[in-house]
């Protein structure tokens, strides 16, 4: 994998971030970022086995980067802060939105599964009551007790 020349990277225009933090801040998946690194279409450097990406390069790379419609992206004019407490009121981190949506979907699926199991349980109870009644009738008819 070729690495960008250090002379071509203008470090004064942005902040170098680890791949995962860059992904969270920009709302772009790590696999998409890795593809951009592999194609050399995003500025990066490799230090101690870790990729560091230039956050100031985000606007330029977004012009060519294709993201999944499920993963929300941060608009170019929006500032995302590193700490949750520093975020402006009403602003929701894209990673939080993704996790929240997944959590809500999982809860709905669990609720549906629970309702199905409750219906099956009720049907089994009714069937068991019918069988008990049948056993009781047969015991009385044949005067046998099991």
C-alpha atoms as a PDB file:
ATOM      1  CA  UNK A   1       0.000   0.000   0.000  1.00  0.00           C
ATOM      2  CA  UNK A   2       1.480   3.351  -0.966  1.00  0.00           C
ATOM      3  CA  UNK A   3       1.648   6.086   1.618  1.00  0.00           C
ATOM      4  CA  UNK A   4       1.121   9.764   0.866  1.00  0.00           C
ATOM      5  CA  UNK A   5       4.230  11.897   0.761  1.00  0.00           C
ATOM      6  CA  UNK A   6       4.555  13.900   3.968  1.00  0.00           C
ATOM      7  CA  UNK A   7       5.273  17.015   1.892  1.00  0.00           C
ATOM      8  CA  UNK A   8       1.877  16.756   0.142  1.00  0.00           C
ATOM      9  CA  UNK A   9      -0.047  16.625   3.449  1.00  0.00           C
ATOM     10  CA  UNK A  10      -0.794  20.096   4.759  1.00  0.00           C
ATOM     11  CA  UNK A  11      -1.052  19.379   8.491  1.00  0.00           C
ATOM     12  CA  UNK A  12      -2.016  22.976   9.306  1.00  0.00           C
ATOM     13  CA  UNK A  13      -5.359  22.630   7.503  1.00  0.00           C
ATOM     14  CA  UNK A  14      -6.775  19.935   9.797  1.00  0.00           C
ATOM     15  CA  UNK A  15      -6.354  17.436  12.577  1.00  0.00           C
ATOM     16  CA  UNK A  16      -4.891  13.916  12.256  1.00  0.00           C
ATOM     17  CA  UNK A  17      -7.324  11.356  13.715  1.00  0.00           C
ATOM     18  CA  UNK A  18      -7.232   7.567  14.136  1.00  0.00           C
ATOM     19  CA  UNK A  19      -9.375   5.680  11.622  1.00  0.00           C
ATOM     20  CA  UNK A  20     -12.192   4.848  14.058  1.00  0.00           C
ATOM     21  CA  UNK A  21     -12.488   8.382  15.438  1.00  0.00           C
ATOM     22  CA  UNK A  22     -12.436   9.764  11.886  1.00  0.00           C
ATOM     23  CA  UNK A  23     -15.252   7.343  11.040  1.00  0.00           C
ATOM     24  CA  UNK A  24     -17.365   8.460  14.018  1.00  0.00           C
ATOM     25  CA  UNK A  25     -16.817  12.171  13.366  1.00  0.00           C
ATOM     26  CA  UNK A  26     -17.578  11.982   9.659  1.00  0.00           C
ATOM     27  CA  UNK A  27     -20.284   9.303   9.767  1.00  0.00           C
ATOM     28  CA  UNK A  28     -18.495   7.256   7.088  1.00  0.00           C
ATOM     29  CA  UNK A  29     -17.941   3.538   7.648  1.00  0.00           C
ATOM     30  CA  UNK A  30     -14.450   2.283   8.369  1.00  0.00           C
ATOM     31  CA  UNK A  31     -14.616  -0.066   5.383  1.00  0.00           C
ATOM     32  CA  UNK A  32     -15.332   2.878   3.061  1.00  0.00           C
ATOM     33  CA  UNK A  33     -12.449   4.816   4.581  1.00  0.00           C
ATOM     34  CA  UNK A  34     -10.141   1.815   4.133  1.00  0.00           C
ATOM     35  CA  UNK A  35     -11.160   1.608   0.455  1.00  0.00           C
ATOM     36  CA  UNK A  36     -10.297   5.295   0.086  1.00  0.00           C
ATOM     37  CA  UNK A  37      -6.911   4.685   1.731  1.00  0.00           C
ATOM     38  CA  UNK A  38      -6.249   1.738  -0.590  1.00  0.00           C
ATOM     39  CA  UNK A  39      -7.145   3.794  -3.668  1.00  0.00           C
ATOM     40  CA  UNK A  40      -4.973   6.663  -2.371  1.00  0.00           C
ATOM     41  CA  UNK A  41      -7.859   9.128  -2.659  1.00  0.00           C
ATOM     42  CA  UNK A  42      -7.675  10.363   0.926  1.00  0.00           C
ATOM     43  CA  UNK A  43      -4.740  11.786   2.856  1.00  0.00           C
ATOM     44  CA  UNK A  44      -3.393   9.484   5.537  1.00  0.00           C
ATOM     45  CA  UNK A  45      -0.237   8.521   7.337  1.00  0.00           C
ATOM     46  CA  UNK A  46       0.783   5.309   9.022  1.00  0.00           C
ATOM     47  CA  UNK A  47       2.309   5.672  12.496  1.00  0.00           C
ATOM     48  CA  UNK A  48       3.074   2.705  14.741  1.00  0.00           C
ATOM     49  CA  UNK A  49       0.811   0.484  12.636  1.00  0.00           C
ATOM     50  CA  UNK A  50      -2.180   2.847  12.935  1.00  0.00           C
ATOM     51  CA  UNK A  51      -3.738   4.874  10.153  1.00  0.00           C
ATOM     52  CA  UNK A  52      -4.149   8.565  10.891  1.00  0.00           C
ATOM     53  CA  UNK A  53      -6.423  10.572   8.611  1.00  0.00           C
ATOM     54  CA  UNK A  54      -6.515  14.294   8.050  1.00  0.00           C
ATOM     55  CA  UNK A  55      -9.877  15.648   9.190  1.00  0.00           C
ATOM     56  CA  UNK A  56      -9.476  18.790   7.052  1.00  0.00           C
ATOM     57  CA  UNK A  57      -9.362  16.452   4.040  1.00  0.00           C
ATOM     58  CA  UNK A  58     -12.926  15.317   4.779  1.00  0.00           C
ATOM     59  CA  UNK A  59     -14.709  17.879   2.579  1.00  0.00           C
ATOM     60  CA  UNK A  60     -12.527  17.084  -0.428  1.00  0.00           C
ATOM     61  CA  UNK A  61     -12.847  13.331  -0.023  1.00  0.00           C
ATOM     62  CA  UNK A  62     -16.632  13.487   0.425  1.00  0.00           C
ATOM     63  CA  UNK A  63     -17.009  14.647  -3.161  1.00  0.00           C
ATOM     64  CA  UNK A  64     -15.849  11.226  -4.348  1.00  0.00           C
ATOM     65  CA  UNK A  65     -16.881   9.084  -1.388  1.00  0.00           C
ATOM     66  CA  UNK A  66     -20.095   7.074  -1.714  1.00  0.00           C
ATOM     67  CA  UNK A  67     -21.827   6.223   1.552  1.00  0.00           C
ATOM     68  CA  UNK A  68     -24.558   3.764   2.374  1.00  0.00           C
ATOM     69  CA  UNK A  69     -28.060   5.299   2.593  1.00  0.00           C
ATOM     70  CA  UNK A  70     -28.490   3.712   6.032  1.00  0.00           C
ATOM     71  CA  UNK A  71     -25.449   5.487   7.491  1.00  0.00           C
ATOM     72  CA  UNK A  72     -26.171   9.195   8.019  1.00  0.00           C
ATOM     73  CA  UNK A  73     -23.447  11.665   7.121  1.00  0.00           C
ATOM     74  CA  UNK A  74     -22.614  14.975   8.700  1.00  0.00           C
ATOM     75  CA  UNK A  75     -23.383  17.938   6.421  1.00  0.00           C
ATOM     76  CA  UNK A  76     -20.299  19.951   5.387  1.00  0.00           C
ATOM     77  CA  UNK A  77     -21.438  23.068   7.286  1.00  0.00           C
ATOM     78  CA  UNK A  78     -21.999  21.163  10.571  1.00  0.00           C
ATOM     79  CA  UNK A  79     -19.324  21.013  13.249  1.00  0.00           C
ATOM     80  CA  UNK A  80     -19.064  17.789  15.218  1.00  0.00           C
ATOM     81  CA  UNK A  81     -17.266  18.047  18.560  1.00  0.00           C
ATOM     82  CA  UNK A  82     -15.120  15.248  19.967  1.00  0.00           C
ATOM     83  CA  UNK A  83     -16.790  15.288  23.387  1.00  0.00           C
ATOM     84  CA  UNK A  84     -20.518  14.670  23.769  1.00  0.00           C
ATOM     85  CA  UNK A  85     -20.862  17.417  26.411  1.00  0.00           C
ATOM     86  CA  UNK A  86     -19.530  20.024  23.997  1.00  0.00           C
ATOM     87  CA  UNK A  87     -22.151  19.285  21.318  1.00  0.00           C
ATOM     88  CA  UNK A  88     -24.675  22.052  20.641  1.00  0.00           C
ATOM     89  CA  UNK A  89     -28.148  21.564  22.041  1.00  0.00           C
ATOM     90  CA  UNK A  90     -30.309  19.381  19.802  1.00  0.00           C
ATOM     91  CA  UNK A  91     -27.373  17.995  17.764  1.00  0.00           C
ATOM     92  CA  UNK A  92     -27.224  14.206  17.702  1.00  0.00           C
ATOM     93  CA  UNK A  93     -24.061  12.346  16.773  1.00  0.00           C
ATOM     94  CA  UNK A  94     -24.613  10.144  13.679  1.00  0.00           C
ATOM     95  CA  UNK A  95     -23.151   7.137  15.498  1.00  0.00           C
ATOM     96  CA  UNK A  96     -25.708   7.608  18.287  1.00  0.00           C
ATOM     97  CA  UNK A  97     -28.517   7.754  15.702  1.00  0.00           C
ATOM     98  CA  UNK A  98     -27.334   4.511  14.100  1.00  0.00           C
ATOM     99  CA  UNK A  99     -27.076   2.688  17.425  1.00  0.00           C
ATOM    100  CA  UNK A 100     -30.457   4.043  18.539  1.00  0.00           C
ATOM    101  CA  UNK A 101     -32.163   2.902  15.325  1.00  0.00           C
ATOM    102  CA  UNK A 102     -30.617  -0.561  15.633  1.00  0.00           C
ATOM    103  CA  UNK A 103     -31.677  -0.772  19.281  1.00  0.00           C
ATOM    104  CA  UNK A 104     -35.268   0.255  18.484  1.00  0.00           C
ATOM    105  CA  UNK A 105     -35.453  -2.266  15.612  1.00  0.00           C
ATOM    106  CA  UNK A 106     -34.168  -5.008  17.930  1.00  0.00           C
ATOM    107  CA  UNK A 107     -36.743  -4.086  20.583  1.00  0.00           C
ATOM    108  CA  UNK A 108     -39.571  -4.256  18.016  1.00  0.00           C
ATOM    109  CA  UNK A 109     -38.372  -7.678  16.836  1.00  0.00           C
ATOM    110  CA  UNK A 110     -38.180  -8.917  20.441  1.00  0.00           C
ATOM    111  CA  UNK A 111     -41.693  -7.609  21.179  1.00  0.00           C
ATOM    112  CA  UNK A 112     -43.069  -9.390  18.090  1.00  0.00           C
ATOM    113  CA  UNK A 113     -41.307 -12.607  19.072  1.00  0.00           C
ATOM    114  CA  UNK A 114     -42.628 -12.324  22.642  1.00  0.00           C
ATOM    115  CA  UNK A 115     -46.203 -11.840  21.404  1.00  0.00           C
ATOM    116  CA  UNK A 116     -45.867 -14.902  19.145  1.00  0.00           C
ATOM    117  CA  UNK A 117     -44.539 -17.032  22.018  1.00  0.00           C
ATOM    118  CA  UNK A 118     -47.338 -15.858  24.305  1.00  0.00           C
ATOM    119  CA  UNK A 119     -49.951 -16.888  21.705  1.00  0.00           C
ATOM    120  CA  UNK A 120     -48.290 -20.295  21.271  1.00  0.00           C
ATOM    121  CA  UNK A 121     -48.123 -20.739  25.039  1.00  0.00           C
ATOM    122  CA  UNK A 122     -51.847 -19.972  25.364  1.00  0.00           C
ATOM    123  CA  UNK A 123     -52.687 -22.474  22.601  1.00  0.00           C
ATOM    124  CA  UNK A 124     -50.586 -25.141  24.331  1.00  0.00           C
ATOM    125  CA  UNK A 125     -52.339 -24.486  27.660  1.00  0.00           C
ATOM    126  CA  UNK A 126     -55.725 -24.873  25.981  1.00  0.00           C
ATOM    127  CA  UNK A 127     -54.587 -28.118  24.323  1.00  0.00           C
ATOM    128  CA  UNK A 128     -53.276 -29.406  27.668  1.00  0.00           C
ATOM    129  CA  UNK A 129     -56.616 -28.604  29.344  1.00  0.00           C
ATOM    130  CA  UNK A 130     -58.422 -30.539  26.574  1.00  0.00           C
ATOM    131  CA  UNK A 131     -56.135 -33.534  27.063  1.00  0.00           C
ATOM    132  CA  UNK A 132     -56.636 -33.474  30.848  1.00  0.00           C
ATOM    133  CA  UNK A 133     -60.394 -33.430  30.331  1.00  0.00           C
ATOM    134  CA  UNK A 134     -60.107 -36.370  27.915  1.00  0.00           C
ATOM    135  CA  UNK A 135     -57.944 -38.360  30.383  1.00  0.00           C
ATOM    136  CA  UNK A 136     -60.430 -37.645  33.180  1.00  0.00           C
ATOM    137  CA  UNK A 137     -63.354 -38.811  31.015  1.00  0.00           C
ATOM    138  CA  UNK A 138     -61.541 -42.017  30.031  1.00  0.00           C
ATOM    139  CA  UNK A 139     -60.576 -42.747  33.651  1.00  0.00           C
ATOM    140  CA  UNK A 140     -64.199 -42.389  34.736  1.00  0.00           C
ATOM    141  CA  UNK A 141     -65.457 -44.522  31.858  1.00  0.00           C
ATOM    142  CA  UNK A 142     -63.053 -47.385  32.458  1.00  0.00           C
ATOM    143  CA  UNK A 143     -62.762 -46.822  36.215  1.00  0.00           C
ATOM    144  CA  UNK A 144     -58.997 -46.642  35.969  1.00  0.00           C
ATOM    145  CA  UNK A 145     -56.747 -44.164  37.730  1.00  0.00           C
ATOM    146  CA  UNK A 146     -53.277 -43.333  36.351  1.00  0.00           C
END
